[in-house]
PDB file of all heavy atoms in Angstrom:
ATOM      1  N   GLU A   1       5.888   0.341  10.944  1.00  0.00           N
ATOM      2  CA  GLU A   1       5.270  -0.979  10.735  1.00  0.00           C
ATOM      3  C   GLU A   1       4.280  -0.945   9.578  1.00  0.00           C
ATOM      4  O   GLU A   1       4.220  -1.882   8.779  1.00  0.00           O
ATOM      5  CB  GLU A   1       4.563  -1.450  11.998  1.00  0.00           C
ATOM      6  CG  GLU A   1       5.489  -2.046  13.014  1.00  0.00           C
ATOM      7  CD  GLU A   1       4.732  -2.727  14.138  1.00  0.00           C
ATOM      8  OE1 GLU A   1       3.899  -3.624  13.857  1.00  0.00           O
ATOM      9  OE2 GLU A   1       4.969  -2.347  15.300  1.00  0.00           O
ATOM     10  N   VAL A   2       3.504   0.134   9.478  1.00  0.00           N
ATOM     11  CA  VAL A   2       2.551   0.263   8.369  1.00  0.00           C
ATOM     12  C   VAL A   2       3.318   0.329   7.049  1.00  0.00           C
ATOM     13  O   VAL A   2       2.948  -0.334   6.073  1.00  0.00           O
ATOM     14  CB  VAL A   2       1.633   1.494   8.566  1.00  0.00           C
ATOM     15  CG1 VAL A   2       0.796   1.739   7.315  1.00  0.00           C
ATOM     16  CG2 VAL A   2       0.728   1.303   9.776  1.00  0.00           C
ATOM     17  N   ILE A   3       4.389   1.104   7.013  1.00  0.00           N
ATOM     18  CA  ILE A   3       5.205   1.198   5.799  1.00  0.00           C
ATOM     19  C   ILE A   3       5.740  -0.180   5.409  1.00  0.00           C
ATOM     20  O   ILE A   3       5.712  -0.555   4.232  1.00  0.00           O
ATOM     21  CB  ILE A   3       6.349   2.216   5.994  1.00  0.00           C
ATOM     22  CG1 ILE A   3       5.779   3.639   5.972  1.00  0.00           C
ATOM     23  CG2 ILE A   3       7.432   2.047   4.925  1.00  0.00           C
ATOM     24  CD1 ILE A   3       6.775   4.717   6.361  1.00  0.00           C
ATOM     25  N   GLU A   4       6.181  -0.944   6.391  1.00  0.00           N
ATOM     26  CA  GLU A   4       6.690  -2.294   6.126  1.00  0.00           C
ATOM     27  C   GLU A   4       5.619  -3.184   5.496  1.00  0.00           C
ATOM     28  O   GLU A   4       5.867  -3.885   4.512  1.00  0.00           O
ATOM     29  CB  GLU A   4       7.195  -2.921   7.418  1.00  0.00           C
ATOM     30  CG  GLU A   4       7.716  -4.328   7.251  1.00  0.00           C
ATOM     31  CD  GLU A   4       8.097  -4.962   8.581  1.00  0.00           C
ATOM     32  OE1 GLU A   4       8.577  -4.253   9.482  1.00  0.00           O
ATOM     33  OE2 GLU A   4       7.882  -6.183   8.704  1.00  0.00           O
ATOM     34  N   VAL A   5       4.407  -3.141   6.044  1.00  0.00           N
ATOM     35  CA  VAL A   5       3.317  -3.976   5.507  1.00  0.00           C
ATOM     36  C   VAL A   5       2.949  -3.530   4.098  1.00  0.00           C
ATOM     37  O   VAL A   5       2.780  -4.360   3.198  1.00  0.00           O
ATOM     38  CB  VAL A   5       2.090  -3.951   6.440  1.00  0.00           C
ATOM     39  CG1 VAL A   5       0.912  -4.666   5.807  1.00  0.00           C
ATOM     40  CG2 VAL A   5       2.424  -4.573   7.788  1.00  0.00           C
ATOM     41  N   VAL A   6       2.839  -2.225   3.883  1.00  0.00           N
ATOM     42  CA  VAL A   6       2.488  -1.716   2.550  1.00  0.00           C
ATOM     43  C   VAL A   6       3.586  -2.082   1.553  1.00  0.00           C
ATOM     44  O   VAL A   6       3.297  -2.482   0.422  1.00  0.00           O
ATOM     45  CB  VAL A   6       2.241  -0.195   2.578  1.00  0.00           C
ATOM     46  CG1 VAL A   6       2.021   0.348   1.170  1.00  0.00           C
ATOM     47  CG2 VAL A   6       1.033   0.139   3.466  1.00  0.00           C
ATOM     48  N   SER A   7       4.829  -1.974   1.964  1.00  0.00           N
ATOM     49  CA  SER A   7       5.950  -2.318   1.080  1.00  0.00           C
ATOM     50  C   SER A   7       5.892  -3.784   0.661  1.00  0.00           C
ATOM     51  O   SER A   7       6.164  -4.114  -0.496  1.00  0.00           O
ATOM     52  CB  SER A   7       7.286  -2.048   1.774  1.00  0.00           C
ATOM     53  OG  SER A   7       7.456  -0.686   2.011  1.00  0.00           O
ATOM     54  N   ARG A   8       5.549  -4.648   1.600  1.00  0.00           N
ATOM     55  CA  ARG A   8       5.424  -6.081   1.270  1.00  0.00           C
ATOM     56  C   ARG A   8       4.262  -6.308   0.303  1.00  0.00           C
ATOM     57  O   ARG A   8       4.335  -7.162  -0.575  1.00  0.00           O
ATOM     58  CB  ARG A   8       5.182  -6.902   2.531  1.00  0.00           C
ATOM     59  CG  ARG A   8       6.398  -7.119   3.373  1.00  0.00           C
ATOM     60  CD  ARG A   8       6.176  -8.216   4.405  1.00  0.00           C
ATOM     61  NE  ARG A   8       4.890  -8.152   5.063  1.00  0.00           N
ATOM     62  CZ  ARG A   8       4.696  -7.817   6.329  1.00  0.00           C
ATOM     63  NH1 ARG A   8       5.717  -7.506   7.103  1.00  0.00           N
ATOM     64  NH2 ARG A   8       3.493  -7.792   6.850  1.00  0.00           N
ATOM     65  N   HIS A   9       3.198  -5.543   0.497  1.00  0.00           N
ATOM     66  CA  HIS A   9       2.012  -5.706  -0.341  1.00  0.00           C
ATOM     67  C   HIS A   9       2.302  -5.317  -1.793  1.00  0.00           C
ATOM     68  O   HIS A   9       1.794  -5.939  -2.717  1.00  0.00           O
ATOM     69  CB  HIS A   9       0.871  -4.850   0.221  1.00  0.00           C
ATOM     70  CG  HIS A   9      -0.428  -5.043  -0.483  1.00  0.00           C
ATOM     71  ND1 HIS A   9      -1.240  -6.126  -0.254  1.00  0.00           N
ATOM     72  CD2 HIS A   9      -1.040  -4.294  -1.425  1.00  0.00           C
ATOM     73  CE1 HIS A   9      -2.316  -6.025  -1.019  1.00  0.00           C
ATOM     74  NE2 HIS A   9      -2.209  -4.933  -1.740  1.00  0.00           N
ATOM     75  N   ARG A  10       3.130  -4.295  -1.977  1.00  0.00           N
ATOM     76  CA  ARG A  10       3.407  -3.801  -3.315  1.00  0.00           C
ATOM     77  C   ARG A  10       4.865  -3.943  -3.723  1.00  0.00           C
ATOM     78  O   ARG A  10       5.224  -3.651  -4.845  1.00  0.00           O
ATOM     79  CB  ARG A  10       3.024  -2.326  -3.421  1.00  0.00           C
ATOM     80  CG  ARG A  10       1.751  -2.014  -4.145  1.00  0.00           C
ATOM     81  CD  ARG A  10       1.626  -2.780  -5.439  1.00  0.00           C
ATOM     82  NE  ARG A  10       0.512  -2.294  -6.206  1.00  0.00           N
ATOM     83  CZ  ARG A  10      -0.436  -3.053  -6.683  1.00  0.00           C
ATOM     84  NH1 ARG A  10      -0.438  -4.334  -6.464  1.00  0.00           N
ATOM     85  NH2 ARG A  10      -1.407  -2.530  -7.380  1.00  0.00           N
ATOM     86  N   ASP A  11       5.722  -4.362  -2.818  1.00  0.00           N
ATOM     87  CA  ASP A  11       7.143  -4.557  -3.088  1.00  0.00           C
ATOM     88  C   ASP A  11       7.757  -3.335  -3.773  1.00  0.00           C
ATOM     89  O   ASP A  11       8.399  -3.445  -4.813  1.00  0.00           O
ATOM     90  CB  ASP A  11       7.368  -5.823  -3.917  1.00  0.00           C
ATOM     91  CG  ASP A  11       8.819  -6.256  -3.891  1.00  0.00           C
ATOM     92  OD1 ASP A  11       9.503  -5.971  -2.888  1.00  0.00           O
ATOM     93  OD2 ASP A  11       9.271  -6.866  -4.877  1.00  0.00           O
ATOM     94  N   ARG A  12       7.500  -2.167  -3.172  1.00  0.00           N
ATOM     95  CA  ARG A  12       8.054  -0.907  -3.657  1.00  0.00           C
ATOM     96  C   ARG A  12       8.503  -0.084  -2.472  1.00  0.00           C
ATOM     97  O   ARG A  12       8.096  -0.326  -1.342  1.00  0.00           O
ATOM     98  CB  ARG A  12       6.996  -0.089  -4.400  1.00  0.00           C
ATOM     99  CG  ARG A  12       6.582  -0.648  -5.714  1.00  0.00           C
ATOM    100  CD  ARG A  12       5.729   0.344  -6.420  1.00  0.00           C
ATOM    101  NE  ARG A  12       5.362  -0.160  -7.726  1.00  0.00           N
ATOM    102  CZ  ARG A  12       4.531   0.441  -8.525  1.00  0.00           C
ATOM    103  NH1 ARG A  12       3.964   1.568  -8.160  1.00  0.00           N
ATOM    104  NH2 ARG A  12       4.243  -0.065  -9.695  1.00  0.00           N
ATOM    105  N   GLU A  13       9.321   0.923  -2.754  1.00  0.00           N
ATOM    106  CA  GLU A  13       9.713   1.842  -1.692  1.00  0.00           C
ATOM    107  C   GLU A  13       8.494   2.685  -1.315  1.00  0.00           C
ATOM    108  O   GLU A  13       7.794   3.210  -2.184  1.00  0.00           O
ATOM    109  CB  GLU A  13      10.843   2.746  -2.162  1.00  0.00           C
ATOM    110  CG  GLU A  13      11.440   3.554  -1.037  1.00  0.00           C
ATOM    111  CD  GLU A  13      12.708   4.255  -1.456  1.00  0.00           C
ATOM    112  OE1 GLU A  13      13.473   3.683  -2.247  1.00  0.00           O
ATOM    113  OE2 GLU A  13      12.914   5.373  -0.974  1.00  0.00           O
ATOM    114  N   VAL A  14       8.240   2.782  -0.024  1.00  0.00           N
ATOM    115  CA  VAL A  14       7.050   3.458   0.478  1.00  0.00           C
ATOM    116  C   VAL A  14       7.453   4.421   1.583  1.00  0.00           C
ATOM    117  O   VAL A  14       8.340   4.123   2.378  1.00  0.00           O
ATOM    118  CB  VAL A  14       6.037   2.415   1.032  1.00  0.00           C
ATOM    119  CG1 VAL A  14       4.843   3.082   1.673  1.00  0.00           C
ATOM    120  CG2 VAL A  14       5.601   1.463  -0.068  1.00  0.00           C
ATOM    121  N   ALA A  15       6.792   5.576   1.624  1.00  0.00           N
ATOM    122  CA  ALA A  15       7.006   6.577   2.673  1.00  0.00           C
ATOM    123  C   ALA A  15       5.646   6.981   3.231  1.00  0.00           C
ATOM    124  O   ALA A  15       4.601   6.579   2.713  1.00  0.00           O
ATOM    125  CB  ALA A  15       7.729   7.787   2.106  1.00  0.00           C
ATOM    126  N   ALA A  16       5.661   7.797   4.257  1.00  0.00           N
ATOM    127  CA  ALA A  16       4.414   8.234   4.895  1.00  0.00           C
ATOM    128  C   ALA A  16       3.480   8.925   3.907  1.00  0.00           C
ATOM    129  O   ALA A  16       2.266   8.740   3.947  1.00  0.00           O
ATOM    130  CB  ALA A  16       4.717   9.161   6.072  1.00  0.00           C
ATOM    131  N   ASP A  17       4.041   9.709   2.999  1.00  0.00           N
ATOM    132  CA  ASP A  17       3.206  10.478   2.074  1.00  0.00           C
ATOM    133  C   ASP A  17       2.914   9.747   0.766  1.00  0.00           C
ATOM    134  O   ASP A  17       2.343  10.320  -0.159  1.00  0.00           O
ATOM    135  CB  ASP A  17       3.835  11.835   1.791  1.00  0.00           C
ATOM    136  CG  ASP A  17       5.181  11.737   1.092  1.00  0.00           C
ATOM    137  OD1 ASP A  17       5.755  10.623   1.038  1.00  0.00           O
ATOM    138  OD2 ASP A  17       5.673  12.775   0.614  1.00  0.00           O
ATOM    139  N   THR A  18       3.269   8.476   0.699  1.00  0.00           N
ATOM    140  CA  THR A  18       2.976   7.691  -0.501  1.00  0.00           C
ATOM    141  C   THR A  18       1.467   7.581  -0.678  1.00  0.00           C
ATOM    142  O   THR A  18       0.748   7.157   0.226  1.00  0.00           O
ATOM    143  CB  THR A  18       3.593   6.278  -0.405  1.00  0.00           C
ATOM    144  OG1 THR A  18       5.005   6.408  -0.302  1.00  0.00           O
ATOM    145  CG2 THR A  18       3.235   5.433  -1.609  1.00  0.00           C
ATOM    146  N   ASP A  19       0.986   8.000  -1.847  1.00  0.00           N
ATOM    147  CA  ASP A  19      -0.434   7.932  -2.180  1.00  0.00           C
ATOM    148  C   ASP A  19      -0.736   6.533  -2.710  1.00  0.00           C
ATOM    149  O   ASP A  19      -0.065   6.059  -3.644  1.00  0.00           O
ATOM    150  CB  ASP A  19      -0.783   8.995  -3.221  1.00  0.00           C
ATOM    151  CG  ASP A  19      -2.272   9.072  -3.490  1.00  0.00           C
ATOM    152  OD1 ASP A  19      -2.808   8.147  -4.139  1.00  0.00           O
ATOM    153  OD2 ASP A  19      -2.890  10.055  -3.056  1.00  0.00           O
ATOM    154  N   LEU A  20      -1.724   5.888  -2.117  1.00  0.00           N
ATOM    155  CA  LEU A  20      -2.031   4.508  -2.468  1.00  0.00           C
ATOM    156  C   LEU A  20      -2.484   4.357  -3.917  1.00  0.00           C
ATOM    157  O   LEU A  20      -2.160   3.369  -4.574  1.00  0.00           O
ATOM    158  CB  LEU A  20      -3.093   3.948  -1.525  1.00  0.00           C
ATOM    159  CG  LEU A  20      -2.730   3.947  -0.044  1.00  0.00           C
ATOM    160  CD1 LEU A  20      -3.924   3.486   0.786  1.00  0.00           C
ATOM    161  CD2 LEU A  20      -1.513   3.096   0.227  1.00  0.00           C
ATOM    162  N   VAL A  21      -3.219   5.345  -4.418  1.00  0.00           N
ATOM    163  CA  VAL A  21      -3.730   5.269  -5.784  1.00  0.00           C
ATOM    164  C   VAL A  21      -2.714   5.827  -6.778  1.00  0.00           C
ATOM    165  O   VAL A  21      -2.308   5.154  -7.722  1.00  0.00           O
ATOM    166  CB  VAL A  21      -5.083   6.012  -5.904  1.00  0.00           C
ATOM    167  CG1 VAL A  21      -5.556   6.046  -7.348  1.00  0.00           C
ATOM    168  CG2 VAL A  21      -6.134   5.351  -5.017  1.00  0.00           C
ATOM    169  N   ALA A  22      -2.285   7.061  -6.563  1.00  0.00           N
ATOM    170  CA  ALA A  22      -1.408   7.732  -7.520  1.00  0.00           C
ATOM    171  C   ALA A  22      -0.013   7.118  -7.581  1.00  0.00           C
ATOM    172  O   ALA A  22       0.552   6.968  -8.664  1.00  0.00           O
ATOM    173  CB  ALA A  22      -1.307   9.220  -7.188  1.00  0.00           C
ATOM    174  N   ASP A  23       0.553   6.781  -6.422  1.00  0.00           N
ATOM    175  CA  ASP A  23       1.927   6.282  -6.395  1.00  0.00           C
ATOM    176  C   ASP A  23       2.039   4.765  -6.511  1.00  0.00           C
ATOM    177  O   ASP A  23       3.000   4.263  -7.090  1.00  0.00           O
ATOM    178  CB  ASP A  23       2.626   6.732  -5.105  1.00  0.00           C
ATOM    179  CG  ASP A  23       2.726   8.244  -5.001  1.00  0.00           C
ATOM    180  OD1 ASP A  23       2.835   8.919  -6.046  1.00  0.00           O
ATOM    181  OD2 ASP A  23       2.692   8.755  -3.864  1.00  0.00           O
ATOM    182  N   LEU A  24       1.086   4.047  -5.945  1.00  0.00           N
ATOM    183  CA  LEU A  24       1.165   2.584  -5.950  1.00  0.00           C
ATOM    184  C   LEU A  24       0.190   1.927  -6.913  1.00  0.00           C
ATOM    185  O   LEU A  24       0.167   0.698  -7.033  1.00  0.00           O
ATOM    186  CB  LEU A  24       0.926   2.042  -4.534  1.00  0.00           C
ATOM    187  CG  LEU A  24       1.930   2.492  -3.475  1.00  0.00           C
ATOM    188  CD1 LEU A  24       1.568   1.888  -2.123  1.00  0.00           C
ATOM    189  CD2 LEU A  24       3.346   2.128  -3.868  1.00  0.00           C
ATOM    190  N   ASN A  25      -0.636   2.750  -7.573  1.00  0.00           N
ATOM    191  CA  ASN A  25      -1.604   2.241  -8.552  1.00  0.00           C
ATOM    192  C   ASN A  25      -2.560   1.203  -7.974  1.00  0.00           C
ATOM    193  O   ASN A  25      -2.913   0.227  -8.639  1.00  0.00           O
ATOM    194  CB  ASN A  25      -0.884   1.653  -9.771  1.00  0.00           C
ATOM    195  CG  ASN A  25      -0.026   2.667 -10.477  1.00  0.00           C
ATOM    196  OD1 ASN A  25      -0.437   3.804 -10.677  1.00  0.00           O
ATOM    197  ND2 ASN A  25       1.172   2.268 -10.827  1.00  0.00           N
ATOM    198  N   LEU A  26      -2.969   1.403  -6.716  1.00  0.00           N
ATOM    199  CA  LEU A  26      -3.924   0.485  -6.100  1.00  0.00           C
ATOM    200  C   LEU A  26      -5.342   0.876  -6.502  1.00  0.00           C
ATOM    201  O   LEU A  26      -5.681   2.058  -6.532  1.00  0.00           O
ATOM    202  CB  LEU A  26      -3.807   0.519  -4.577  1.00  0.00           C
ATOM    203  CG  LEU A  26      -2.471   0.105  -3.972  1.00  0.00           C
ATOM    204  CD1 LEU A  26      -2.548   0.170  -2.449  1.00  0.00           C
ATOM    205  CD2 LEU A  26      -2.066  -1.278  -4.408  1.00  0.00           C
ATOM    206  N   ASP A  27      -6.161  -0.107  -6.812  1.00  0.00           N
ATOM    207  CA  ASP A  27      -7.579   0.156  -7.036  1.00  0.00           C
ATOM    208  C   ASP A  27      -8.332  -0.178  -5.744  1.00  0.00           C
ATOM    209  O   ASP A  27      -7.721  -0.543  -4.737  1.00  0.00           O
ATOM    210  CB  ASP A  27      -8.116  -0.626  -8.240  1.00  0.00           C
ATOM    211  CG  ASP A  27      -8.003  -2.139  -8.095  1.00  0.00           C
ATOM    212  OD1 ASP A  27      -7.925  -2.644  -6.947  1.00  0.00           O
ATOM    213  OD2 ASP A  27      -8.004  -2.825  -9.128  1.00  0.00           O
ATOM    214  N   SER A  28      -9.643  -0.055  -5.757  1.00  0.00           N
ATOM    215  CA  SER A  28     -10.414  -0.243  -4.529  1.00  0.00           C
ATOM    216  C   SER A  28     -10.270  -1.660  -3.968  1.00  0.00           C
ATOM    217  O   SER A  28     -10.225  -1.850  -2.748  1.00  0.00           O
ATOM    218  CB  SER A  28     -11.892   0.098  -4.760  1.00  0.00           C
ATOM    219  OG  SER A  28     -12.427  -0.712  -5.786  1.00  0.00           O
ATOM    220  N   ILE A  29     -10.174  -2.639  -4.826  1.00  0.00           N
ATOM    221  CA  ILE A  29     -10.002  -4.015  -4.349  1.00  0.00           C
ATOM    222  C   ILE A  29      -8.612  -4.190  -3.736  1.00  0.00           C
ATOM    223  O   ILE A  29      -8.469  -4.819  -2.683  1.00  0.00           O
ATOM    224  CB  ILE A  29     -10.249  -5.030  -5.483  1.00  0.00           C
ATOM    225  CG1 ILE A  29     -11.716  -4.969  -5.859  1.00  0.00           C
ATOM    226  CG2 ILE A  29      -9.810  -6.425  -5.075  1.00  0.00           C
ATOM    227  CD1 ILE A  29     -12.190  -5.936  -6.868  1.00  0.00           C
ATOM    228  N   ASP A  30      -7.594  -3.613  -4.375  1.00  0.00           N
ATOM    229  CA  ASP A  30      -6.242  -3.670  -3.814  1.00  0.00           C
ATOM    230  C   ASP A  30      -6.199  -3.014  -2.436  1.00  0.00           C
ATOM    231  O   ASP A  30      -5.556  -3.524  -1.518  1.00  0.00           O
ATOM    232  CB  ASP A  30      -5.234  -2.956  -4.717  1.00  0.00           C
ATOM    233  CG  ASP A  30      -5.012  -3.654  -6.037  1.00  0.00           C
ATOM    234  OD1 ASP A  30      -5.096  -4.896  -6.093  1.00  0.00           O
ATOM    235  OD2 ASP A  30      -4.745  -2.938  -7.032  1.00  0.00           O
ATOM    236  N   ILE A  31      -6.878  -1.877  -2.296  1.00  0.00           N
ATOM    237  CA  ILE A  31      -6.896  -1.172  -1.010  1.00  0.00           C
ATOM    238  C   ILE A  31      -7.606  -2.017   0.041  1.00  0.00           C
ATOM    239  O   ILE A  31      -7.142  -2.127   1.178  1.00  0.00           O
ATOM    240  CB  ILE A  31      -7.518   0.228  -1.154  1.00  0.00           C
ATOM    241  CG1 ILE A  31      -6.584   1.116  -1.988  1.00  0.00           C
ATOM    242  CG2 ILE A  31      -7.787   0.858   0.218  1.00  0.00           C
ATOM    243  CD1 ILE A  31      -7.161   2.456  -2.378  1.00  0.00           C
ATOM    244  N   ALA A  32      -8.716  -2.648  -0.335  1.00  0.00           N
ATOM    245  CA  ALA A  32      -9.423  -3.523   0.607  1.00  0.00           C
ATOM    246  C   ALA A  32      -8.531  -4.687   1.035  1.00  0.00           C
ATOM    247  O   ALA A  32      -8.499  -5.050   2.215  1.00  0.00           O
ATOM    248  CB  ALA A  32     -10.711  -4.042  -0.018  1.00  0.00           C
ATOM    249  N   GLU A  33      -7.773  -5.266   0.102  1.00  0.00           N
ATOM    250  CA  GLU A  33      -6.848  -6.353   0.436  1.00  0.00           C
ATOM    251  C   GLU A  33      -5.734  -5.858   1.350  1.00  0.00           C
ATOM    252  O   GLU A  33      -5.338  -6.546   2.295  1.00  0.00           O
ATOM    253  CB  GLU A  33      -6.260  -6.964  -0.837  1.00  0.00           C
ATOM    254  CG  GLU A  33      -7.255  -7.764  -1.637  1.00  0.00           C
ATOM    255  CD  GLU A  33      -6.708  -8.221  -2.980  1.00  0.00           C
ATOM    256  OE1 GLU A  33      -5.589  -7.803  -3.368  1.00  0.00           O
ATOM    257  OE2 GLU A  33      -7.410  -8.996  -3.652  1.00  0.00           O
ATOM    258  N   LEU A  34      -5.228  -4.656   1.072  1.00  0.00           N
ATOM    259  CA  LEU A  34      -4.186  -4.076   1.913  1.00  0.00           C
ATOM    260  C   LEU A  34      -4.703  -3.831   3.321  1.00  0.00           C
ATOM    261  O   LEU A  34      -4.036  -4.147   4.304  1.00  0.00           O
ATOM    262  CB  LEU A  34      -3.668  -2.774   1.304  1.00  0.00           C
ATOM    263  CG  LEU A  34      -2.668  -1.992   2.149  1.00  0.00           C
ATOM    264  CD1 LEU A  34      -1.425  -2.824   2.433  1.00  0.00           C
ATOM    265  CD2 LEU A  34      -2.315  -0.687   1.468  1.00  0.00           C
ATOM    266  N   VAL A  35      -5.910  -3.292   3.424  1.00  0.00           N
ATOM    267  CA  VAL A  35      -6.506  -3.043   4.743  1.00  0.00           C
ATOM    268  C   VAL A  35      -6.678  -4.367   5.494  1.00  0.00           C
ATOM    269  O   VAL A  35      -6.398  -4.450   6.688  1.00  0.00           O
ATOM    270  CB  VAL A  35      -7.833  -2.271   4.622  1.00  0.00           C
ATOM    271  CG1 VAL A  35      -8.606  -2.271   5.928  1.00  0.00           C
ATOM    272  CG2 VAL A  35      -7.550  -0.835   4.164  1.00  0.00           C
ATOM    273  N   ALA A  36      -7.092  -5.414   4.802  1.00  0.00           N
ATOM    274  CA  ALA A  36      -7.223  -6.731   5.443  1.00  0.00           C
ATOM    275  C   ALA A  36      -5.868  -7.214   5.953  1.00  0.00           C
ATOM    276  O   ALA A  36      -5.770  -7.764   7.059  1.00  0.00           O
ATOM    277  CB  ALA A  36      -7.820  -7.734   4.469  1.00  0.00           C
ATOM    278  N   GLU A  37      -4.819  -6.981   5.177  1.00  0.00           N
ATOM    279  CA  GLU A  37      -3.476  -7.375   5.609  1.00  0.00           C
ATOM    280  C   GLU A  37      -3.043  -6.555   6.828  1.00  0.00           C
ATOM    281  O   GLU A  37      -2.461  -7.095   7.775  1.00  0.00           O
ATOM    282  CB  GLU A  37      -2.492  -7.158   4.458  1.00  0.00           C
ATOM    283  CG  GLU A  37      -1.158  -7.790   4.669  1.00  0.00           C
ATOM    284  CD  GLU A  37      -0.284  -7.744   3.433  1.00  0.00           C
ATOM    285  OE1 GLU A  37      -0.804  -7.705   2.300  1.00  0.00           O
ATOM    286  OE2 GLU A  37       0.946  -7.749   3.605  1.00  0.00           O
ATOM    287  N   ILE A  38      -3.352  -5.267   6.829  1.00  0.00           N
ATOM    288  CA  ILE A  38      -3.043  -4.393   7.974  1.00  0.00           C
ATOM    289  C   ILE A  38      -3.814  -4.880   9.208  1.00  0.00           C
ATOM    290  O   ILE A  38      -3.261  -4.962  10.309  1.00  0.00           O
ATOM    291  CB  ILE A  38      -3.408  -2.928   7.659  1.00  0.00           C
ATOM    292  CG1 ILE A  38      -2.526  -2.370   6.540  1.00  0.00           C
ATOM    293  CG2 ILE A  38      -3.373  -2.062   8.907  1.00  0.00           C
ATOM    294  CD1 ILE A  38      -1.138  -1.974   6.926  1.00  0.00           C
TER     295      ILE A  38
END
């Protein structure tokens, strides 16, 4: 379910070990928005 939500947030293939910063290029505001969505 978490992978599904993160995938919708970034519309990319996501796995358990996907790094939010390195792999998805999320900054602190993006992470805060993602956490709010979660």
